[in-house]
N, C-alpha and C. Protein backbone atom coordinates (compact mmCIF):
# COMPACT_ATOMS: atom_id res chain seq x y z
N MET A 1 0.73 -0.99 -0.06
CA MET A 1 -0.32 0.01 0.18
C MET A 1 1.11 1.58 0.13
N VAL A 2 2.03 1.48 0.83
CA VAL A 2 2.93 2.44 0.76
C VAL A 2 3.46 2.56 -0.56
N ILE A 3 3.78 1.83 -1.13
CA ILE A 3 4.49 1.65 -2.57
C ILE A 3 3.63 2.39 -3.39
N ILE A 4 1.91 1.92 -3.63
CA ILE A 4 1.25 2.60 -4.44
C ILE A 4 1.29 3.81 -3.93
N LYS A 5 0.89 4.43 -3.02
CA LYS A 5 0.86 5.98 -2.40
C LYS A 5 2.04 6.67 -2.91
N LYS A 6 3.43 5.76 -2.81
CA LYS A 6 4.55 6.53 -3.32
C LYS A 6 4.41 6.80 -4.82
N LEU A 7 3.88 5.85 -5.68
CA LEU A 7 3.87 5.64 -6.79
C LEU A 7 2.92 6.92 -7.51
N ILE A 8 1.73 6.89 -6.83
CA ILE A 8 0.96 8.20 -7.18
C ILE A 8 1.45 9.27 -6.95
N LYS A 9 2.14 9.51 -5.58
CA LYS A 9 2.74 10.99 -5.61
C LYS A 9 4.01 10.93 -6.67
N VAL A 10 4.46 10.09 -7.13
CA VAL A 10 5.82 10.26 -8.11
C VAL A 10 5.02 10.64 -9.30
N LEU A 11 4.09 9.99 -9.73
CA LEU A 11 3.33 10.28 -10.86
C LEU A 11 2.63 11.89 -10.86
N LEU A 12 2.14 12.20 -9.50
CA LEU A 12 1.99 13.62 -9.69
C LEU A 12 2.89 14.68 -9.77
N ILE A 13 3.98 14.27 -9.25
CA ILE A 13 5.34 15.16 -9.35
C ILE A 13 5.67 15.44 -10.79
N THR A 14 5.74 14.17 -11.27
CA THR A 14 6.32 13.90 -12.85
C THR A 14 5.58 14.84 -13.63
N LEU A 15 4.10 14.84 -13.17
CA LEU A 15 3.19 15.58 -14.12
C LEU A 15 3.42 16.85 -13.89
N MET A 16 4.03 17.40 -12.71
CA MET A 16 4.04 18.80 -12.48
C MET A 16 5.33 19.31 -13.21
N VAL A 17 6.08 18.51 -13.18
CA VAL A 17 7.54 18.73 -13.88
C VAL A 17 7.42 18.85 -15.13
N VAL A 18 6.55 17.91 -15.95
CA VAL A 18 6.28 17.91 -17.24
C VAL A 18 5.77 19.46 -17.73
N PHE A 19 5.05 20.09 -17.08
CA PHE A 19 4.57 21.20 -17.30
C PHE A 19 5.35 22.30 -17.17
N ILE A 20 6.25 22.16 -16.14
CA ILE A 20 7.40 23.30 -16.13
C ILE A 20 8.49 23.38 -16.75
N LEU A 21 9.01 22.37 -17.36
CA LEU A 21 10.04 22.30 -17.88
C LEU A 21 9.89 23.37 -19.41
N PRO A 22 10.89 23.51 -19.74
CA PRO A 22 10.88 24.38 -21.25
C PRO A 22 10.91 23.30 -22.20
N PRO A 23 10.36 23.90 -23.56
CA PRO A 23 9.99 23.22 -24.59
C PRO A 23 11.27 22.23 -24.76
N ASP A 24 10.95 20.88 -25.73
CA ASP A 24 11.94 20.07 -26.05
C ASP A 24 12.55 20.48 -27.35
N PRO A 25 14.21 20.94 -27.24
CA PRO A 25 14.80 21.39 -28.37
C PRO A 25 14.94 20.69 -29.67
N ALA A 26 14.33 19.45 -29.61
CA ALA A 26 14.43 18.57 -30.73
C ALA A 26 13.31 18.96 -31.72
N ARG A 27 12.14 19.56 -30.79
CA ARG A 27 11.02 19.92 -31.78
C ARG A 27 11.08 21.27 -32.55
N PRO A 28 10.56 21.46 -33.70
CA PRO A 28 11.12 22.67 -34.29
C PRO A 28 10.29 23.87 -33.83
N GLN A 29 10.65 24.91 -33.79
CA GLN A 29 9.92 26.31 -32.97
C GLN A 29 10.14 27.27 -33.78
N SER A 30 9.07 28.03 -34.00
CA SER A 30 9.18 29.07 -35.11
C SER A 30 8.74 30.24 -34.43
N ALA A 31 8.79 31.42 -34.77
CA ALA A 31 8.26 32.78 -34.26
C ALA A 31 6.59 32.85 -34.51
N PRO A 32 6.17 33.64 -33.67
CA PRO A 32 4.61 33.63 -33.86
C PRO A 32 4.56 34.36 -35.46
N PRO A 33 3.38 33.71 -35.80
CA PRO A 33 2.92 34.46 -37.09
C PRO A 33 2.83 35.90 -37.19
N GLY A 34 3.43 36.30 -38.07
CA GLY A 34 3.52 37.85 -38.58
C GLY A 34 4.50 38.48 -38.09
N ARG A 35 5.77 37.82 -37.16
CA ARG A 35 6.85 38.46 -36.85
C ARG A 35 8.08 37.71 -37.53
N GLY A 36 8.96 38.60 -37.34
CA GLY A 36 10.27 37.81 -38.18
C GLY A 36 11.01 37.79 -37.01
N GLU A 37 10.80 37.32 -35.94
CA GLU A 37 11.68 37.39 -34.91
C GLU A 37 12.37 35.74 -34.91
N PRO A 38 13.60 35.58 -34.63
CA PRO A 38 14.28 34.17 -34.68
C PRO A 38 13.62 33.39 -33.57
N PRO A 39 13.78 32.12 -33.50
CA PRO A 39 13.41 31.14 -33.03
C PRO A 39 13.75 31.22 -31.61
N LEU A 40 12.99 30.60 -30.61
CA LEU A 40 13.29 30.65 -29.13
C LEU A 40 14.41 29.78 -29.05
N PRO A 41 15.25 30.29 -28.09
CA PRO A 41 16.52 29.62 -27.82
C PRO A 41 16.48 28.08 -27.32
N LYS A 42 17.47 27.57 -27.75
CA LYS A 42 17.46 25.93 -27.62
C LYS A 42 17.63 25.77 -25.78
N TYR A 43 16.78 24.65 -25.20
CA TYR A 43 17.06 24.25 -23.65
C TYR A 43 17.37 22.91 -23.93
N GLN A 44 17.98 22.62 -22.75
CA GLN A 44 18.36 21.39 -22.21
C GLN A 44 17.20 20.48 -22.37
N THR A 45 17.49 18.99 -22.85
CA THR A 45 16.41 17.78 -22.30
C THR A 45 16.41 17.35 -21.07
N LEU A 46 15.29 16.65 -20.80
CA LEU A 46 14.82 16.40 -19.45
C LEU A 46 16.03 15.51 -18.53
N GLU A 47 16.83 14.96 -19.46
CA GLU A 47 18.01 14.16 -18.89
C GLU A 47 18.89 15.15 -18.17
N HIS A 48 18.99 16.48 -18.76
CA HIS A 48 20.07 17.26 -18.33
C HIS A 48 19.50 17.66 -16.68
N TYR A 49 18.20 17.67 -16.65
CA TYR A 49 17.80 18.05 -15.13
C TYR A 49 17.59 17.15 -14.01
N LEU A 50 18.07 15.79 -14.70
CA LEU A 50 17.89 14.50 -13.58
C LEU A 50 19.27 14.57 -13.02
N PRO A 51 19.16 13.99 -11.74
CA PRO A 51 20.39 13.49 -11.02
C PRO A 51 21.08 12.55 -11.46
N GLU A 52 22.45 12.55 -11.39
CA GLU A 52 23.34 11.46 -12.31
C GLU A 52 23.07 9.98 -11.59
N ASP A 53 22.38 10.02 -10.40
CA ASP A 53 22.17 8.76 -9.87
C ASP A 53 20.73 8.32 -10.32
N THR A 54 20.10 8.76 -11.22
CA THR A 54 18.64 8.51 -11.65
C THR A 54 18.74 7.08 -12.14
N PHE A 55 17.80 6.20 -11.56
CA PHE A 55 17.72 4.90 -11.64
C PHE A 55 17.33 4.35 -12.98
N GLY A 56 16.09 5.11 -13.49
CA GLY A 56 15.78 4.89 -14.91
C GLY A 56 14.90 6.22 -15.42
N LEU A 57 14.66 6.26 -16.76
CA LEU A 57 13.76 7.10 -17.57
C LEU A 57 12.92 6.46 -18.47
N LEU A 58 11.61 6.72 -18.57
CA LEU A 58 10.89 6.12 -19.48
C LEU A 58 10.14 7.33 -20.07
N THR A 59 10.33 7.40 -21.70
CA THR A 59 9.64 8.34 -22.07
C THR A 59 8.74 7.86 -23.39
N PHE A 60 7.58 8.45 -23.62
CA PHE A 60 6.84 7.85 -24.73
C PHE A 60 6.40 9.33 -25.33
N PRO A 61 6.80 9.25 -26.61
CA PRO A 61 7.01 10.46 -27.40
C PRO A 61 5.13 11.15 -27.58
N ASP A 62 4.41 9.90 -27.65
CA ASP A 62 2.96 10.57 -28.08
C ASP A 62 2.13 9.65 -27.05
N LEU A 63 1.40 9.93 -26.21
CA LEU A 63 0.89 8.79 -25.33
C LEU A 63 -0.29 8.23 -25.79
N LYS A 64 -0.95 9.03 -26.96
CA LYS A 64 -2.21 8.51 -27.32
C LYS A 64 -1.79 7.24 -28.67
N GLN A 65 -0.76 7.86 -29.35
CA GLN A 65 -0.47 7.05 -30.26
C GLN A 65 0.45 5.43 -29.42
N THR A 66 0.86 5.61 -28.34
CA THR A 66 1.38 4.58 -27.58
C THR A 66 0.28 3.68 -27.29
N GLY A 67 -0.76 4.53 -26.83
CA GLY A 67 -2.01 3.86 -26.42
C GLY A 67 -2.70 2.91 -27.56
N ALA A 68 -2.66 3.20 -28.54
CA ALA A 68 -3.39 2.76 -29.94
C ALA A 68 -2.47 1.63 -30.23
N ALA A 69 -1.14 1.77 -30.37
CA ALA A 69 -0.20 0.52 -30.33
C ALA A 69 -0.29 -0.48 -29.41
N LEU A 70 -0.42 -0.12 -28.26
CA LEU A 70 -0.57 -1.11 -26.91
C LEU A 70 -1.89 -2.02 -27.23
N LYS A 71 -2.89 -1.46 -27.61
CA LYS A 71 -3.95 -2.14 -28.10
C LYS A 71 -3.98 -3.16 -29.20
N LYS A 72 -3.00 -3.24 -30.11
CA LYS A 72 -2.69 -3.98 -31.18
C LYS A 72 -1.65 -5.14 -30.67
N SER A 73 -1.09 -4.62 -29.31
CA SER A 73 0.12 -5.51 -29.02
C SER A 73 -0.43 -7.06 -28.50
N ASN A 74 0.55 -7.75 -28.26
CA ASN A 74 0.45 -9.16 -27.68
C ASN A 74 0.00 -9.20 -26.32
N LEU A 75 0.64 -8.16 -25.49
CA LEU A 75 0.53 -7.95 -24.28
C LEU A 75 -0.94 -7.42 -23.93
N TYR A 76 -1.82 -6.40 -24.85
CA TYR A 76 -2.90 -6.42 -24.56
C TYR A 76 -4.02 -7.56 -24.38
N HIS A 77 -3.71 -8.37 -25.57
CA HIS A 77 -4.38 -9.54 -25.65
C HIS A 77 -4.37 -10.46 -24.44
N ILE A 78 -3.01 -10.62 -23.90
CA ILE A 78 -3.12 -11.21 -22.63
C ILE A 78 -3.76 -10.69 -21.66
N TRP A 79 -3.68 -9.18 -21.57
CA TRP A 79 -4.59 -8.69 -20.56
C TRP A 79 -6.22 -8.91 -20.58
N GLN A 80 -6.53 -9.05 -21.67
CA GLN A 80 -8.09 -9.22 -21.90
C GLN A 80 -8.43 -10.75 -21.78
N GLU A 81 -7.28 -11.67 -21.53
CA GLU A 81 -7.63 -12.89 -21.09
C GLU A 81 -8.53 -13.16 -19.87
N GLN A 82 -9.40 -14.02 -19.87
CA GLN A 82 -10.15 -14.15 -18.45
C GLN A 82 -9.44 -14.49 -17.24
N GLU A 83 -8.44 -15.34 -17.37
CA GLU A 83 -7.86 -15.70 -16.30
C GLU A 83 -7.06 -14.41 -15.74
N VAL A 84 -6.73 -13.61 -16.53
CA VAL A 84 -5.92 -12.26 -16.26
C VAL A 84 -6.86 -11.45 -15.65
N GLN A 85 -8.14 -11.19 -16.47
CA GLN A 85 -9.21 -10.32 -15.69
C GLN A 85 -9.78 -11.08 -14.38
N GLN A 86 -9.79 -12.34 -14.41
CA GLN A 86 -10.12 -12.67 -12.95
C GLN A 86 -9.08 -12.15 -11.85
N LEU A 87 -7.69 -12.46 -12.06
CA LEU A 87 -6.83 -12.07 -11.33
C LEU A 87 -7.12 -10.43 -10.98
N TRP A 88 -7.36 -9.90 -11.96
CA TRP A 88 -7.35 -8.18 -11.76
C TRP A 88 -8.62 -7.84 -10.74
N GLN A 89 -9.52 -8.35 -11.02
CA GLN A 89 -11.02 -8.36 -10.17
C GLN A 89 -10.73 -8.80 -8.71
N SER A 90 -9.70 -9.80 -8.48
CA SER A 90 -9.42 -10.14 -7.20
C SER A 90 -8.44 -9.01 -6.46
N ILE A 91 -7.85 -8.54 -7.19
CA ILE A 91 -6.44 -7.33 -6.68
C ILE A 91 -7.27 -6.19 -6.58
N LYS A 92 -8.32 -5.64 -7.33
CA LYS A 92 -9.04 -4.33 -7.61
C LYS A 92 -9.43 -3.80 -6.31
N PRO A 93 -10.30 -4.54 -5.57
CA PRO A 93 -10.94 -4.42 -4.34
C PRO A 93 -9.84 -3.69 -3.13
N LYS A 94 -8.51 -4.42 -3.25
CA LYS A 94 -7.44 -3.82 -2.14
C LYS A 94 -7.05 -2.47 -2.90
N ILE A 95 -6.99 -2.29 -4.11
CA ILE A 95 -6.60 -1.13 -4.70
C ILE A 95 -7.45 0.43 -4.48
N ASP A 96 -8.78 -0.02 -4.69
CA ASP A 96 -9.85 0.98 -4.79
C ASP A 96 -9.67 1.81 -3.39
N PRO A 97 -9.70 1.23 -2.13
CA PRO A 97 -9.64 2.12 -1.27
C PRO A 97 -8.44 3.22 -0.94
N LEU A 98 -7.24 2.56 -1.81
CA LEU A 98 -5.82 3.44 -1.96
C LEU A 98 -6.26 4.58 -2.67
N ILE A 99 -7.11 4.19 -3.72
CA ILE A 99 -7.08 5.49 -4.55
C ILE A 99 -8.11 6.34 -4.22
N GLU A 100 -9.23 6.13 -3.45
CA GLU A 100 -10.35 6.81 -2.88
C GLU A 100 -9.72 7.68 -1.52
N GLU A 101 -8.63 7.30 -0.90
CA GLU A 101 -7.78 7.80 0.38
C GLU A 101 -7.24 9.01 -0.41
N PHE A 102 -6.36 8.59 -1.72
CA PHE A 102 -5.81 9.50 -2.18
C PHE A 102 -6.66 10.75 -2.95
N GLU A 103 -7.60 10.32 -3.56
CA GLU A 103 -8.61 11.36 -4.15
C GLU A 103 -9.43 12.39 -3.00
N ALA A 104 -9.69 11.93 -1.80
CA ALA A 104 -9.77 12.51 -0.74
C ALA A 104 -8.94 13.51 -0.10
N GLU A 105 -7.69 12.86 -0.03
CA GLU A 105 -6.67 13.72 0.54
C GLU A 105 -6.21 14.84 -0.54
N HIS A 106 -6.27 14.75 -1.76
CA HIS A 106 -5.87 15.60 -2.71
C HIS A 106 -6.90 16.65 -3.04
N HIS A 107 -8.22 16.05 -3.11
CA HIS A 107 -9.28 16.78 -3.85
C HIS A 107 -9.22 16.57 -5.11
N ILE A 108 -9.12 15.60 -5.79
CA ILE A 108 -9.00 15.52 -7.22
C ILE A 108 -8.95 13.87 -7.56
N SER A 109 -9.98 13.64 -8.49
CA SER A 109 -10.19 12.31 -8.99
C SER A 109 -8.97 11.51 -9.87
N LEU A 110 -8.72 10.26 -9.56
CA LEU A 110 -7.53 9.86 -10.45
C LEU A 110 -7.81 9.88 -11.78
N ASN A 111 -9.30 9.84 -12.23
CA ASN A 111 -9.64 9.93 -13.72
C ASN A 111 -9.52 11.23 -14.43
N ASP A 112 -9.33 12.44 -13.42
CA ASP A 112 -9.12 13.70 -13.93
C ASP A 112 -7.45 13.59 -14.39
N ILE A 113 -6.86 13.14 -13.43
CA ILE A 113 -5.56 13.21 -13.38
C ILE A 113 -4.96 12.37 -14.92
N LEU A 114 -5.41 11.34 -14.88
CA LEU A 114 -5.18 10.57 -15.97
C LEU A 114 -5.62 11.14 -17.37
N THR A 115 -6.52 11.96 -17.31
CA THR A 115 -6.99 12.66 -18.79
C THR A 115 -6.29 13.66 -19.18
N THR A 116 -5.19 14.14 -18.10
CA THR A 116 -4.32 15.12 -18.47
C THR A 116 -3.04 14.47 -19.20
N PHE A 117 -3.11 13.39 -19.10
CA PHE A 117 -1.90 12.65 -19.62
C PHE A 117 -2.08 12.32 -21.18
N ASN A 118 -1.57 13.25 -21.87
CA ASN A 118 -1.46 13.11 -23.61
C ASN A 118 -0.25 14.03 -24.18
N GLY A 119 0.09 13.49 -25.36
CA GLY A 119 1.15 14.18 -25.93
C GLY A 119 2.60 13.33 -25.20
N GLU A 120 3.70 14.30 -25.37
CA GLU A 120 4.79 13.63 -24.62
C GLU A 120 4.86 13.61 -23.36
N PHE A 121 5.14 12.28 -22.69
CA PHE A 121 5.26 12.05 -21.34
C PHE A 121 6.52 11.10 -20.95
N SER A 122 7.28 11.61 -19.85
CA SER A 122 8.41 11.05 -19.07
C SER A 122 8.15 10.71 -17.81
N LEU A 123 8.67 9.57 -17.34
CA LEU A 123 8.58 9.13 -16.24
C LEU A 123 10.19 8.87 -15.57
N ALA A 124 10.97 9.46 -14.49
CA ALA A 124 12.13 9.09 -14.07
C ALA A 124 11.95 8.56 -12.86
N VAL A 125 12.58 7.50 -12.47
CA VAL A 125 12.50 6.76 -11.19
C VAL A 125 13.93 7.25 -10.39
N PHE A 126 13.73 7.64 -9.20
CA PHE A 126 14.92 7.89 -8.32
C PHE A 126 15.31 6.93 -7.39
N LYS A 127 16.60 7.00 -6.84
CA LYS A 127 16.92 6.13 -5.87
C LYS A 127 16.52 6.84 -4.59
N ASP A 128 15.50 6.22 -3.86
CA ASP A 128 15.13 6.67 -2.60
C ASP A 128 16.13 6.53 -1.19
N LYS A 129 16.74 7.72 -1.27
CA LYS A 129 17.59 7.53 -0.26
C LYS A 129 17.20 7.24 1.15
N THR A 130 15.90 7.92 1.37
CA THR A 130 15.28 7.43 2.78
C THR A 130 15.12 5.90 3.05
N MET A 131 15.21 5.06 2.08
CA MET A 131 14.53 3.57 2.09
C MET A 131 15.77 2.88 2.24
N ILE A 132 17.28 3.27 2.12
CA ILE A 132 18.35 2.47 2.10
C ILE A 132 18.40 1.91 3.59
N ASP A 133 18.86 0.72 3.75
CA ASP A 133 19.09 0.26 4.93
C ASP A 133 20.31 0.80 5.67
N PRO A 134 20.52 1.21 6.56
CA PRO A 134 21.75 1.87 7.12
C PRO A 134 22.77 0.81 7.70
N ARG A 135 22.13 -0.32 7.60
CA ARG A 135 23.20 -1.69 8.17
C ARG A 135 24.40 -1.64 7.65
């Protein structure tokens, strides 16, 4: 349960970071219509802002396209199998109270959060130094 709470918090922090980071320099940038101004200056990529000991970084260039491709994958077909769905239905009642607690604490529904995930999305995983055993 603690891991799921931390995961949800990490996802929210990641979402906030996505909105405050400067634009991706790999994407073409042009001046506003009608102005002959030069393009905006180039900025560092997300990797530039991460600590050196970052455990991993997962990036999806376009979540809608990734979701559509996932629904065509073998993994999605496995997810749709009756045995997997039965397993999910046995696990879901244990997760639902955690989601409800999170929504009550933060005054936002998980569905509202998930609908904001579109376009490019990145998730970084950091080493949690508070969880390291001091022995």
